[in-house]
Amino acid sequence: LVARTLAAASSGDAQTVRRLLGDPALDERGVAALRRIIEDTGALQECE
């Protein structure tokens, strides 16, 4: 799912994913931001 997201994301969104992914202190806001990118890139629907 993450691989599909990074492949389809804009450079800015991809940078956000790489910055937040793997942060053990990631809060609900950070989770929501990553979920939005995953959905907006179409990666979620593609995996479905």
ModelCIF file with pLDDT and N, C-alpha, C, O atoms, coordinates in Angstrom:
data_MODEL
#
_entry.id   MODEL 
#
_entity.id                         1 
_entity.type                       polymer 
_entity.pdbx_number_of_molecules   1 
#
_entity_poly.entity_id                      1 
_entity_poly.type                           'polypeptide(L)' 
_entity_poly.nstd_linkage                   no 
_entity_poly.nstd_monomer                   no 
_entity_poly.pdbx_seq_one_letter_code       LVARTLAAASSGDAQTVRRLLGDPALDERGVAALRRIIEDTGALQECE 
_entity_poly.pdbx_seq_one_letter_code_can   LVARTLAAASSGDAQTVRRLLGDPALDERGVAALRRIIEDTGALQECE 
_entity_poly.pdbx_strand_id                 A 
#
loop_
_entity_poly_seq.entity_id 
_entity_poly_seq.num 
_entity_poly_seq.mon_id 
_entity_poly_seq.hetero 
1 1  LEU n 
1 2  VAL n 
1 3  ALA n 
1 4  ARG n 
1 5  THR n 
1 6  LEU n 
1 7  ALA n 
1 8  ALA n 
1 9  ALA n 
1 10 SER n 
1 11 SER n 
1 12 GLY n 
1 13 ASP n 
1 14 ALA n 
1 15 GLN n 
1 16 THR n 
1 17 VAL n 
1 18 ARG n 
1 19 ARG n 
1 20 LEU n 
1 21 LEU n 
1 22 GLY n 
1 23 ASP n 
1 24 PRO n 
1 25 ALA n 
1 26 LEU n 
1 27 ASP n 
1 28 GLU n 
1 29 ARG n 
1 30 GLY n 
1 31 VAL n 
1 32 ALA n 
1 33 ALA n 
1 34 LEU n 
1 35 ARG n 
1 36 ARG n 
1 37 ILE n 
1 38 ILE n 
1 39 GLU n 
1 40 ASP n 
1 41 THR n 
1 42 GLY n 
1 43 ALA n 
1 44 LEU n 
1 45 GLN n 
1 46 GLU n 
1 47 CYS n 
1 48 GLU n 
#
_struct_asym.id          A 
_struct_asym.entity_id   1 
#
loop_
_ma_qa_metric.id 
_ma_qa_metric.mode 
_ma_qa_metric.name 
_ma_qa_metric.software_group_id 
_ma_qa_metric.type 
1 global pLDDT . pLDDT 
2 local  pLDDT . pLDDT 
#
_ma_qa_metric_global.metric_id      1 
_ma_qa_metric_global.metric_value   95.98 
_ma_qa_metric_global.model_id       1 
_ma_qa_metric_global.ordinal_id     1 
#
loop_
_ma_qa_metric_local.label_asym_id 
_ma_qa_metric_local.label_comp_id 
_ma_qa_metric_local.label_seq_id 
_ma_qa_metric_local.metric_id 
_ma_qa_metric_local.metric_value 
_ma_qa_metric_local.model_id 
_ma_qa_metric_local.ordinal_id 
A LEU 1  2 96.00 1 1  
A VAL 2  2 96.00 1 2  
A ALA 3  2 95.00 1 3  
A ARG 4  2 96.00 1 4  
A THR 5  2 97.00 1 5  
A LEU 6  2 96.00 1 6  
A ALA 7  2 95.00 1 7  
A ALA 8  2 96.00 1 8  
A ALA 9  2 97.00 1 9  
A SER 10 2 97.00 1 10 
A SER 11 2 96.00 1 11 
A GLY 12 2 97.00 1 12 
A ASP 13 2 97.00 1 13 
A ALA 14 2 96.00 1 14 
A GLN 15 2 96.00 1 15 
A THR 16 2 97.00 1 16 
A VAL 17 2 96.00 1 17 
A ARG 18 2 94.00 1 18 
A ARG 19 2 95.00 1 19 
A LEU 20 2 96.00 1 20 
A LEU 21 2 95.00 1 21 
A GLY 22 2 92.00 1 22 
A ASP 23 2 93.00 1 23 
A PRO 24 2 90.00 1 24 
A ALA 25 2 92.00 1 25 
A LEU 26 2 94.00 1 26 
A ASP 27 2 94.00 1 27 
A GLU 28 2 93.00 1 28 
A ARG 29 2 95.00 1 29 
A GLY 30 2 96.00 1 30 
A VAL 31 2 96.00 1 31 
A ALA 32 2 96.00 1 32 
A ALA 33 2 97.00 1 33 
A LEU 34 2 98.00 1 34 
A ARG 35 2 97.00 1 35 
A ARG 36 2 98.00 1 36 
A ILE 37 2 98.00 1 37 
A ILE 38 2 98.00 1 38 
A GLU 39 2 98.00 1 39 
A ASP 40 2 98.00 1 40 
A THR 41 2 98.00 1 41 
A GLY 42 2 98.00 1 42 
A ALA 43 2 97.00 1 43 
A LEU 44 2 97.00 1 44 
A GLN 45 2 97.00 1 45 
A GLU 46 2 97.00 1 46 
A CYS 47 2 97.00 1 47 
A GLU 48 2 97.00 1 48 
#
loop_
_atom_site.group_PDB 
_atom_site.id 
_atom_site.type_symbol 
_atom_site.label_atom_id 
_atom_site.label_alt_id 
_atom_site.label_comp_id 
_atom_site.label_asym_id 
_atom_site.label_entity_id 
_atom_site.label_seq_id 
_atom_site.pdbx_PDB_ins_code 
_atom_site.Cartn_x 
_atom_site.Cartn_y 
_atom_site.Cartn_z 
_atom_site.occupancy 
_atom_site.B_iso_or_equiv 
_atom_site.pdbx_formal_charge 
_atom_site.auth_seq_id 
_atom_site.auth_comp_id 
_atom_site.auth_asym_id 
_atom_site.auth_atom_id 
_atom_site.pdbx_PDB_model_num 
ATOM 1   N N  . LEU A 1 1  ? 0.832   -1.204 0.000  1.00 96.00 ? 1  LEU A N  1 
ATOM 2   C CA . LEU A 1 1  ? 0.000   0.000  0.000  1.00 96.00 ? 1  LEU A CA 1 
ATOM 3   C C  . LEU A 1 1  ? 0.868   1.256  0.000  1.00 96.00 ? 1  LEU A C  1 
ATOM 4   O O  . LEU A 1 1  ? 0.600   2.199  -0.744 1.00 96.00 ? 1  LEU A O  1 
ATOM 5   N N  . VAL A 1 2  ? 1.902   1.267  0.831  1.00 96.00 ? 2  VAL A N  1 
ATOM 6   C CA . VAL A 1 2  ? 2.816   2.413  0.888  1.00 96.00 ? 2  VAL A CA 1 
ATOM 7   C C  . VAL A 1 2  ? 3.575   2.548  -0.424 1.00 96.00 ? 2  VAL A C  1 
ATOM 8   O O  . VAL A 1 2  ? 3.771   3.659  -0.916 1.00 96.00 ? 2  VAL A O  1 
ATOM 9   N N  . ALA A 1 3  ? 4.000   1.435  -0.990 1.00 95.00 ? 3  ALA A N  1 
ATOM 10  C CA . ALA A 1 3  ? 4.731   1.482  -2.256 1.00 95.00 ? 3  ALA A CA 1 
ATOM 11  C C  . ALA A 1 3  ? 3.874   2.091  -3.361 1.00 95.00 ? 3  ALA A C  1 
ATOM 12  O O  . ALA A 1 3  ? 4.359   2.907  -4.145 1.00 95.00 ? 3  ALA A O  1 
ATOM 13  N N  . ARG A 1 4  ? 2.606   1.699  -3.426 1.00 96.00 ? 4  ARG A N  1 
ATOM 14  C CA . ARG A 1 4  ? 1.703   2.262  -4.425 1.00 96.00 ? 4  ARG A CA 1 
ATOM 15  C C  . ARG A 1 4  ? 1.508   3.763  -4.184 1.00 96.00 ? 4  ARG A C  1 
ATOM 16  O O  . ARG A 1 4  ? 1.422   4.545  -5.130 1.00 96.00 ? 4  ARG A O  1 
ATOM 17  N N  . THR A 1 5  ? 1.441   4.148  -2.925 1.00 97.00 ? 5  THR A N  1 
ATOM 18  C CA . THR A 1 5  ? 1.262   5.553  -2.584 1.00 97.00 ? 5  THR A CA 1 
ATOM 19  C C  . THR A 1 5  ? 2.448   6.389  -3.050 1.00 97.00 ? 5  THR A C  1 
ATOM 20  O O  . THR A 1 5  ? 2.263   7.422  -3.693 1.00 97.00 ? 5  THR A O  1 
ATOM 21  N N  . LEU A 1 6  ? 3.655   5.952  -2.735 1.00 96.00 ? 6  LEU A N  1 
ATOM 22  C CA . LEU A 1 6  ? 4.858   6.695  -3.104 1.00 96.00 ? 6  LEU A CA 1 
ATOM 23  C C  . LEU A 1 6  ? 5.024   6.774  -4.619 1.00 96.00 ? 6  LEU A C  1 
ATOM 24  O O  . LEU A 1 6  ? 5.504   7.777  -5.148 1.00 96.00 ? 6  LEU A O  1 
ATOM 25  N N  . ALA A 1 7  ? 4.625   5.718  -5.308 1.00 95.00 ? 7  ALA A N  1 
ATOM 26  C CA . ALA A 1 7  ? 4.763   5.708  -6.768 1.00 95.00 ? 7  ALA A CA 1 
ATOM 27  C C  . ALA A 1 7  ? 3.835   6.717  -7.431 1.00 95.00 ? 7  ALA A C  1 
ATOM 28  O O  . ALA A 1 7  ? 4.149   7.234  -8.503 1.00 95.00 ? 7  ALA A O  1 
ATOM 29  N N  . ALA A 1 8  ? 2.691   7.003  -6.804 1.00 96.00 ? 8  ALA A N  1 
ATOM 30  C CA . ALA A 1 8  ? 1.698   7.888  -7.418 1.00 96.00 ? 8  ALA A CA 1 
ATOM 31  C C  . ALA A 1 8  ? 1.673   9.289  -6.823 1.00 96.00 ? 8  ALA A C  1 
ATOM 32  O O  . ALA A 1 8  ? 1.013   10.172 -7.371 1.00 96.00 ? 8  ALA A O  1 
ATOM 33  N N  . ALA A 1 9  ? 2.370   9.516  -5.725 1.00 97.00 ? 9  ALA A N  1 
ATOM 34  C CA . ALA A 1 9  ? 2.285   10.793 -5.012 1.00 97.00 ? 9  ALA A CA 1 
ATOM 35  C C  . ALA A 1 9  ? 3.069   11.896 -5.715 1.00 97.00 ? 9  ALA A C  1 
ATOM 36  O O  . ALA A 1 9  ? 4.039   11.640 -6.428 1.00 97.00 ? 9  ALA A O  1 
ATOM 37  N N  . SER A 1 10 ? 2.622   13.122 -5.493 1.00 97.00 ? 10 SER A N  1 
ATOM 38  C CA . SER A 1 10 ? 3.397   14.272 -5.943 1.00 97.00 ? 10 SER A CA 1 
ATOM 39  C C  . SER A 1 10 ? 4.678   14.332 -5.123 1.00 97.00 ? 10 SER A C  1 
ATOM 40  O O  . SER A 1 10 ? 4.804   13.654 -4.103 1.00 97.00 ? 10 SER A O  1 
ATOM 41  N N  . SER A 1 11 ? 5.621   15.143 -5.572 1.00 96.00 ? 11 SER A N  1 
ATOM 42  C CA . SER A 1 11 ? 6.894   15.218 -4.845 1.00 96.00 ? 11 SER A CA 1 
ATOM 43  C C  . SER A 1 11 ? 6.675   15.714 -3.423 1.00 96.00 ? 11 SER A C  1 
ATOM 44  O O  . SER A 1 11 ? 7.333   15.247 -2.494 1.00 96.00 ? 11 SER A O  1 
ATOM 45  N N  . GLY A 1 12 ? 5.756   16.656 -3.247 1.00 97.00 ? 12 GLY A N  1 
ATOM 46  C CA . GLY A 1 12 ? 5.485   17.175 -1.910 1.00 97.00 ? 12 GLY A CA 1 
ATOM 47  C C  . GLY A 1 12 ? 4.844   16.133 -1.012 1.00 97.00 ? 12 GLY A C  1 
ATOM 48  O O  . GLY A 1 12 ? 5.232   15.970 0.144  1.00 97.00 ? 12 GLY A O  1 
ATOM 49  N N  . ASP A 1 13 ? 3.850   15.423 -1.559 1.00 97.00 ? 13 ASP A N  1 
ATOM 50  C CA . ASP A 1 13 ? 3.195   14.387 -0.763 1.00 97.00 ? 13 ASP A CA 1 
ATOM 51  C C  . ASP A 1 13 ? 4.149   13.237 -0.458 1.00 97.00 ? 13 ASP A C  1 
ATOM 52  O O  . ASP A 1 13 ? 4.132   12.682 0.640  1.00 97.00 ? 13 ASP A O  1 
ATOM 53  N N  . ALA A 1 14 ? 4.973   12.888 -1.429 1.00 96.00 ? 14 ALA A N  1 
ATOM 54  C CA . ALA A 1 14 ? 5.941   11.814 -1.199 1.00 96.00 ? 14 ALA A CA 1 
ATOM 55  C C  . ALA A 1 14 ? 6.911   12.204 -0.087 1.00 96.00 ? 14 ALA A C  1 
ATOM 56  O O  . ALA A 1 14 ? 7.284   11.373 0.741  1.00 96.00 ? 14 ALA A O  1 
ATOM 57  N N  . GLN A 1 15 ? 7.311   13.461 -0.075 1.00 96.00 ? 15 GLN A N  1 
ATOM 58  C CA . GLN A 1 15 ? 8.201   13.940 0.983  1.00 96.00 ? 15 GLN A CA 1 
ATOM 59  C C  . GLN A 1 15 ? 7.511   13.852 2.340  1.00 96.00 ? 15 GLN A C  1 
ATOM 60  O O  . GLN A 1 15 ? 8.139   13.486 3.334  1.00 96.00 ? 15 GLN A O  1 
ATOM 61  N N  . THR A 1 16 ? 6.231   14.183 2.385  1.00 97.00 ? 16 THR A N  1 
ATOM 62  C CA . THR A 1 16 ? 5.472   14.088 3.638  1.00 97.00 ? 16 THR A CA 1 
ATOM 63  C C  . THR A 1 16 ? 5.393   12.640 4.116  1.00 97.00 ? 16 THR A C  1 
ATOM 64  O O  . THR A 1 16 ? 5.567   12.361 5.302  1.00 97.00 ? 16 THR A O  1 
ATOM 65  N N  . VAL A 1 17 ? 5.133   11.735 3.197  1.00 96.00 ? 17 VAL A N  1 
ATOM 66  C CA . VAL A 1 17 ? 5.067   10.313 3.564  1.00 96.00 ? 17 VAL A CA 1 
ATOM 67  C C  . VAL A 1 17 ? 6.398   9.853  4.135  1.00 96.00 ? 17 VAL A C  1 
ATOM 68  O O  . VAL A 1 17 ? 6.434   9.200  5.178  1.00 96.00 ? 17 VAL A O  1 
ATOM 69  N N  . ARG A 1 18 ? 7.480   10.184 3.468  1.00 94.00 ? 18 ARG A N  1 
ATOM 70  C CA . ARG A 1 18 ? 8.796   9.737  3.937  1.00 94.00 ? 18 ARG A CA 1 
ATOM 71  C C  . ARG A 1 18 ? 9.153   10.365 5.282  1.00 94.00 ? 18 ARG A C  1 
ATOM 72  O O  . ARG A 1 18 ? 9.843   9.746  6.092  1.00 94.00 ? 18 ARG A O  1 
ATOM 73  N N  . ARG A 1 19 ? 8.686   11.598 5.524  1.00 95.00 ? 19 ARG A N  1 
ATOM 74  C CA . ARG A 1 19 ? 8.996   12.270 6.788  1.00 95.00 ? 19 ARG A CA 1 
ATOM 75  C C  . ARG A 1 19 ? 8.208   11.674 7.957  1.00 95.00 ? 19 ARG A C  1 
ATOM 76  O O  . ARG A 1 19 ? 8.742   11.513 9.054  1.00 95.00 ? 19 ARG A O  1 
ATOM 77  N N  . LEU A 1 20 ? 6.945   11.353 7.716  1.00 96.00 ? 20 LEU A N  1 
ATOM 78  C CA . LEU A 1 20 ? 6.088   10.891 8.811  1.00 96.00 ? 20 LEU A CA 1 
ATOM 79  C C  . LEU A 1 20 ? 6.146   9.377  9.022  1.00 96.00 ? 20 LEU A C  1 
ATOM 80  O O  . LEU A 1 20 ? 5.973   8.899  10.144 1.00 96.00 ? 20 LEU A O  1 
ATOM 81  N N  . LEU A 1 21 ? 6.386   8.631  7.956  1.00 95.00 ? 21 LEU A N  1 
ATOM 82  C CA . LEU A 1 21 ? 6.376   7.175  8.057  1.00 95.00 ? 21 LEU A CA 1 
ATOM 83  C C  . LEU A 1 21 ? 7.512   6.693  8.960  1.00 95.00 ? 21 LEU A C  1 
ATOM 84  O O  . LEU A 1 21 ? 8.676   7.028  8.739  1.00 95.00 ? 21 LEU A O  1 
ATOM 85  N N  . GLY A 1 22 ? 7.166   5.914  9.966  1.00 92.00 ? 22 GLY A N  1 
ATOM 86  C CA . GLY A 1 22 ? 8.175   5.379  10.885 1.00 92.00 ? 22 GLY A CA 1 
ATOM 87  C C  . GLY A 1 22 ? 8.415   6.244  12.103 1.00 92.00 ? 22 GLY A C  1 
ATOM 88  O O  . GLY A 1 22 ? 9.308   5.953  12.899 1.00 92.00 ? 22 GLY A O  1 
ATOM 89  N N  . ASP A 1 23 ? 7.625   7.317  12.269 1.00 93.00 ? 23 ASP A N  1 
ATOM 90  C CA . ASP A 1 23 ? 7.739   8.173  13.451 1.00 93.00 ? 23 ASP A CA 1 
ATOM 91  C C  . ASP A 1 23 ? 6.942   7.535  14.591 1.00 93.00 ? 23 ASP A C  1 
ATOM 92  O O  . ASP A 1 23 ? 5.713   7.503  14.528 1.00 93.00 ? 23 ASP A O  1 
ATOM 93  N N  . PRO A 1 24 ? 7.613   7.025  15.637 1.00 90.00 ? 24 PRO A N  1 
ATOM 94  C CA . PRO A 1 24 ? 6.886   6.347  16.720 1.00 90.00 ? 24 PRO A CA 1 
ATOM 95  C C  . PRO A 1 24 ? 5.958   7.281  17.491 1.00 90.00 ? 24 PRO A C  1 
ATOM 96  O O  . PRO A 1 24 ? 5.048   6.823  18.181 1.00 90.00 ? 24 PRO A O  1 
ATOM 97  N N  . ALA A 1 25 ? 6.190   8.605  17.374 1.00 92.00 ? 25 ALA A N  1 
ATOM 98  C CA . ALA A 1 25 ? 5.344   9.574  18.079 1.00 92.00 ? 25 ALA A CA 1 
ATOM 99  C C  . ALA A 1 25 ? 4.238   10.122 17.173 1.00 92.00 ? 25 ALA A C  1 
ATOM 100 O O  . ALA A 1 25 ? 3.602   11.118 17.517 1.00 92.00 ? 25 ALA A O  1 
ATOM 101 N N  . LEU A 1 26 ? 4.005   9.492  16.036 1.00 94.00 ? 26 LEU A N  1 
ATOM 102 C CA . LEU A 1 26 ? 2.997   9.965  15.093 1.00 94.00 ? 26 LEU A CA 1 
ATOM 103 C C  . LEU A 1 26 ? 1.629   10.045 15.772 1.00 94.00 ? 26 LEU A C  1 
ATOM 104 O O  . LEU A 1 26 ? 1.132   9.051  16.301 1.00 94.00 ? 26 LEU A O  1 
ATOM 105 N N  . ASP A 1 27 ? 1.023   11.243 15.753 1.00 94.00 ? 27 ASP A N  1 
ATOM 106 C CA . ASP A 1 27 ? -0.263  11.436 16.432 1.00 94.00 ? 27 ASP A CA 1 
ATOM 107 C C  . ASP A 1 27 ? -1.418  11.262 15.449 1.00 94.00 ? 27 ASP A C  1 
ATOM 108 O O  . ASP A 1 27 ? -1.207  10.931 14.282 1.00 94.00 ? 27 ASP A O  1 
ATOM 109 N N  . GLU A 1 28 ? -2.636  11.490 15.929 1.00 93.00 ? 28 GLU A N  1 
ATOM 110 C CA . GLU A 1 28 ? -3.826  11.295 15.105 1.00 93.00 ? 28 GLU A CA 1 
ATOM 111 C C  . GLU A 1 28 ? -3.813  12.217 13.886 1.00 93.00 ? 28 GLU A C  1 
ATOM 112 O O  . GLU A 1 28 ? -4.259  11.843 12.801 1.00 93.00 ? 28 GLU A O  1 
ATOM 113 N N  . ARG A 1 29 ? -3.299  13.416 14.087 1.00 95.00 ? 29 ARG A N  1 
ATOM 114 C CA . ARG A 1 29 ? -3.232  14.364 12.965 1.00 95.00 ? 29 ARG A CA 1 
ATOM 115 C C  . ARG A 1 29 ? -2.294  13.846 11.874 1.00 95.00 ? 29 ARG A C  1 
ATOM 116 O O  . ARG A 1 29 ? -2.590  13.949 10.684 1.00 95.00 ? 29 ARG A O  1 
ATOM 117 N N  . GLY A 1 30 ? -1.156  13.285 12.299 1.00 96.00 ? 30 GLY A N  1 
ATOM 118 C CA . GLY A 1 30 ? -0.206  12.728 11.336 1.00 96.00 ? 30 GLY A CA 1 
ATOM 119 C C  . GLY A 1 30 ? -0.773  11.517 10.623 1.00 96.00 ? 30 GLY A C  1 
ATOM 120 O O  . GLY A 1 30 ? -0.585  11.355 9.417  1.00 96.00 ? 30 GLY A O  1 
ATOM 121 N N  . VAL A 1 31 ? -1.469  10.662 11.365 1.00 96.00 ? 31 VAL A N  1 
ATOM 122 C CA . VAL A 1 31 ? -2.113  9.496  10.760 1.00 96.00 ? 31 VAL A CA 1 
ATOM 123 C C  . VAL A 1 31 ? -3.142  9.945  9.729  1.00 96.00 ? 31 VAL A C  1 
ATOM 124 O O  . VAL A 1 31 ? -3.233  9.378  8.641  1.00 96.00 ? 31 VAL A O  1 
ATOM 125 N N  . ALA A 1 32 ? -3.912  10.966 10.081 1.00 96.00 ? 32 ALA A N  1 
ATOM 126 C CA . ALA A 1 32 ? -4.937  11.476 9.166  1.00 96.00 ? 32 ALA A CA 1 
ATOM 127 C C  . ALA A 1 32 ? -4.309  12.043 7.891  1.00 96.00 ? 32 ALA A C  1 
ATOM 128 O O  . ALA A 1 32 ? -4.848  11.872 6.797  1.00 96.00 ? 32 ALA A O  1 
ATOM 129 N N  . ALA A 1 33 ? -3.166  12.717 8.040  1.00 97.00 ? 33 ALA A N  1 
ATOM 130 C CA . ALA A 1 33 ? -2.487  13.287 6.873  1.00 97.00 ? 33 ALA A CA 1 
ATOM 131 C C  . ALA A 1 33 ? -2.015  12.186 5.928  1.00 97.00 ? 33 ALA A C  1 
ATOM 132 O O  . ALA A 1 33 ? -2.155  12.305 4.710  1.00 97.00 ? 33 ALA A O  1 
ATOM 133 N N  . LEU A 1 34 ? -1.459  11.123 6.488  1.00 98.00 ? 34 LEU A N  1 
ATOM 134 C CA . LEU A 1 34 ? -0.986  10.016 5.659  1.00 98.00 ? 34 LEU A CA 1 
ATOM 135 C C  . LEU A 1 34 ? -2.159  9.279  5.015  1.00 98.00 ? 34 LEU A C  1 
ATOM 136 O O  . LEU A 1 34 ? -2.082  8.870  3.857  1.00 98.00 ? 34 LEU A O  1 
ATOM 137 N N  . ARG A 1 35 ? -3.227  9.115  5.758  1.00 97.00 ? 35 ARG A N  1 
ATOM 138 C CA . ARG A 1 35 ? -4.410  8.471  5.177  1.00 97.00 ? 35 ARG A CA 1 
ATOM 139 C C  . ARG A 1 35 ? -4.939  9.278  3.987  1.00 97.00 ? 35 ARG A C  1 
ATOM 140 O O  . ARG A 1 35 ? -5.332  8.717  2.964  1.00 97.00 ? 35 ARG A O  1 
ATOM 141 N N  . ARG A 1 36 ? -4.941  10.591 4.143  1.00 98.00 ? 36 ARG A N  1 
ATOM 142 C CA . ARG A 1 36 ? -5.444  11.450 3.062  1.00 98.00 ? 36 ARG A CA 1 
ATOM 143 C C  . ARG A 1 36 ? -4.612  11.262 1.804  1.00 98.00 ? 36 ARG A C  1 
ATOM 144 O O  . ARG A 1 36 ? -5.155  11.137 0.706  1.00 98.00 ? 36 ARG A O  1 
ATOM 145 N N  . ILE A 1 37 ? -3.287  11.243 1.963  1.00 98.00 ? 37 ILE A N  1 
ATOM 146 C CA . ILE A 1 37 ? -2.405  11.081 0.808  1.00 98.00 ? 37 ILE A CA 1 
ATOM 147 C C  . ILE A 1 37 ? -2.628  9.717  0.153  1.00 98.00 ? 37 ILE A C  1 
ATOM 148 O O  . ILE A 1 37 ? -2.678  9.607  -1.072 1.00 98.00 ? 37 ILE A O  1 
ATOM 149 N N  . ILE A 1 38 ? -2.760  8.682  0.982  1.00 98.00 ? 38 ILE A N  1 
ATOM 150 C CA . ILE A 1 38 ? -2.972  7.329  0.450  1.00 98.00 ? 38 ILE A CA 1 
ATOM 151 C C  . ILE A 1 38 ? -4.264  7.267  -0.356 1.00 98.00 ? 38 ILE A C  1 
ATOM 152 O O  . ILE A 1 38 ? -4.316  6.631  -1.408 1.00 98.00 ? 38 ILE A O  1 
ATOM 153 N N  . GLU A 1 39 ? -5.296  7.924  0.140  1.00 98.00 ? 39 GLU A N  1 
ATOM 154 C CA . GLU A 1 39 ? -6.575  7.933  -0.586 1.00 98.00 ? 39 GLU A CA 1 
ATOM 155 C C  . GLU A 1 39 ? -6.508  8.817  -1.832 1.00 98.00 ? 39 GLU A C  1 
ATOM 156 O O  . GLU A 1 39 ? -6.989  8.432  -2.898 1.00 98.00 ? 39 GLU A O  1 
ATOM 157 N N  . ASP A 1 40 ? -5.911  10.002 -1.694 1.00 98.00 ? 40 ASP A N  1 
ATOM 158 C CA . ASP A 1 40 ? -5.871  10.949 -2.814 1.00 98.00 ? 40 ASP A CA 1 
ATOM 159 C C  . ASP A 1 40 ? -5.041  10.415 -3.983 1.00 98.00 ? 40 ASP A C  1 
ATOM 160 O O  . ASP A 1 40 ? -5.359  10.706 -5.136 1.00 98.00 ? 40 ASP A O  1 
ATOM 161 N N  . THR A 1 41 ? -4.001  9.652  -3.718 1.00 98.00 ? 41 THR A N  1 
ATOM 162 C CA . THR A 1 41 ? -3.183  9.094  -4.801 1.00 98.00 ? 41 THR A CA 1 
ATOM 163 C C  . THR A 1 41 ? -3.885  7.952  -5.519 1.00 98.00 ? 41 THR A C  1 
ATOM 164 O O  . THR A 1 41 ? -3.438  7.510  -6.578 1.00 98.00 ? 41 THR A O  1 
ATOM 165 N N  . GLY A 1 42 ? -4.982  7.476  -4.945 1.00 98.00 ? 42 GLY A N  1 
ATOM 166 C CA . GLY A 1 42 ? -5.667  6.322  -5.527 1.00 98.00 ? 42 GLY A CA 1 
ATOM 167 C C  . GLY A 1 42 ? -5.083  4.997  -5.104 1.00 98.00 ? 42 GLY A C  1 
ATOM 168 O O  . GLY A 1 42 ? -5.522  3.946  -5.572 1.00 98.00 ? 42 GLY A O  1 
ATOM 169 N N  . ALA A 1 43 ? -4.082  5.031  -4.212 1.00 97.00 ? 43 ALA A N  1 
ATOM 170 C CA . ALA A 1 43 ? -3.425  3.782  -3.805 1.00 97.00 ? 43 ALA A CA 1 
ATOM 171 C C  . ALA A 1 43 ? -4.376  2.857  -3.053 1.00 97.00 ? 43 ALA A C  1 
ATOM 172 O O  . ALA A 1 43 ? -4.336  1.639  -3.228 1.00 97.00 ? 43 ALA A O  1 
ATOM 173 N N  . LEU A 1 44 ? -5.231  3.442  -2.216 1.00 97.00 ? 44 LEU A N  1 
ATOM 174 C CA . LEU A 1 44 ? -6.181  2.617  -1.466 1.00 97.00 ? 44 LEU A CA 1 
ATOM 175 C C  . LEU A 1 44 ? -7.124  1.891  -2.416 1.00 97.00 ? 44 LEU A C  1 
ATOM 176 O O  . LEU A 1 44 ? -7.320  0.682  -2.290 1.00 97.00 ? 44 LEU A O  1 
ATOM 177 N N  . GLN A 1 45 ? -7.706  2.612  -3.357 1.00 97.00 ? 45 GLN A N  1 
ATOM 178 C CA . GLN A 1 45 ? -8.632  1.984  -4.299 1.00 97.00 ? 45 GLN A CA 1 
ATOM 179 C C  . GLN A 1 45 ? -7.914  0.978  -5.183 1.00 97.00 ? 45 GLN A C  1 
ATOM 180 O O  . GLN A 1 45 ? -8.469  -0.066 -5.526 1.00 97.00 ? 45 GLN A O  1 
ATOM 181 N N  . GLU A 1 46 ? -6.681  1.293  -5.551 1.00 97.00 ? 46 GLU A N  1 
ATOM 182 C CA . GLU A 1 46 ? -5.914  0.373  -6.387 1.00 97.00 ? 46 GLU A CA 1 
ATOM 183 C C  . GLU A 1 46 ? -5.690  -0.950 -5.660 1.00 97.00 ? 46 GLU A C  1 
ATOM 184 O O  . GLU A 1 46 ? -5.814  -2.019 -6.257 1.00 97.00 ? 46 GLU A O  1 
ATOM 185 N N  . CYS A 1 47 ? -5.361  -0.875 -4.379 1.00 97.00 ? 47 CYS A N  1 
ATOM 186 C CA . CYS A 1 47 ? -5.156  -2.102 -3.602 1.00 97.00 ? 47 CYS A CA 1 
ATOM 187 C C  . CYS A 1 47 ? -6.461  -2.864 -3.419 1.00 97.00 ? 47 CYS A C  1 
ATOM 188 O O  . CYS A 1 47 ? -6.468  -4.095 -3.438 1.00 97.00 ? 47 CYS A O  1 
ATOM 189 N N  . GLU A 1 48 ? -7.557  -2.148 -3.243 1.00 97.00 ? 48 GLU A N  1 
ATOM 190 C CA . GLU A 1 48 ? -8.860  -2.812 -3.167 1.00 97.00 ? 48 GLU A CA 1 
ATOM 191 C C  . GLU A 1 48 ? -9.169  -3.532 -4.480 1.00 97.00 ? 48 GLU A C  1 
ATOM 192 O O  . GLU A 1 48 ? -10.224 -4.152 -4.610 1.00 97.00 ? 48 GLU A O  1 
#
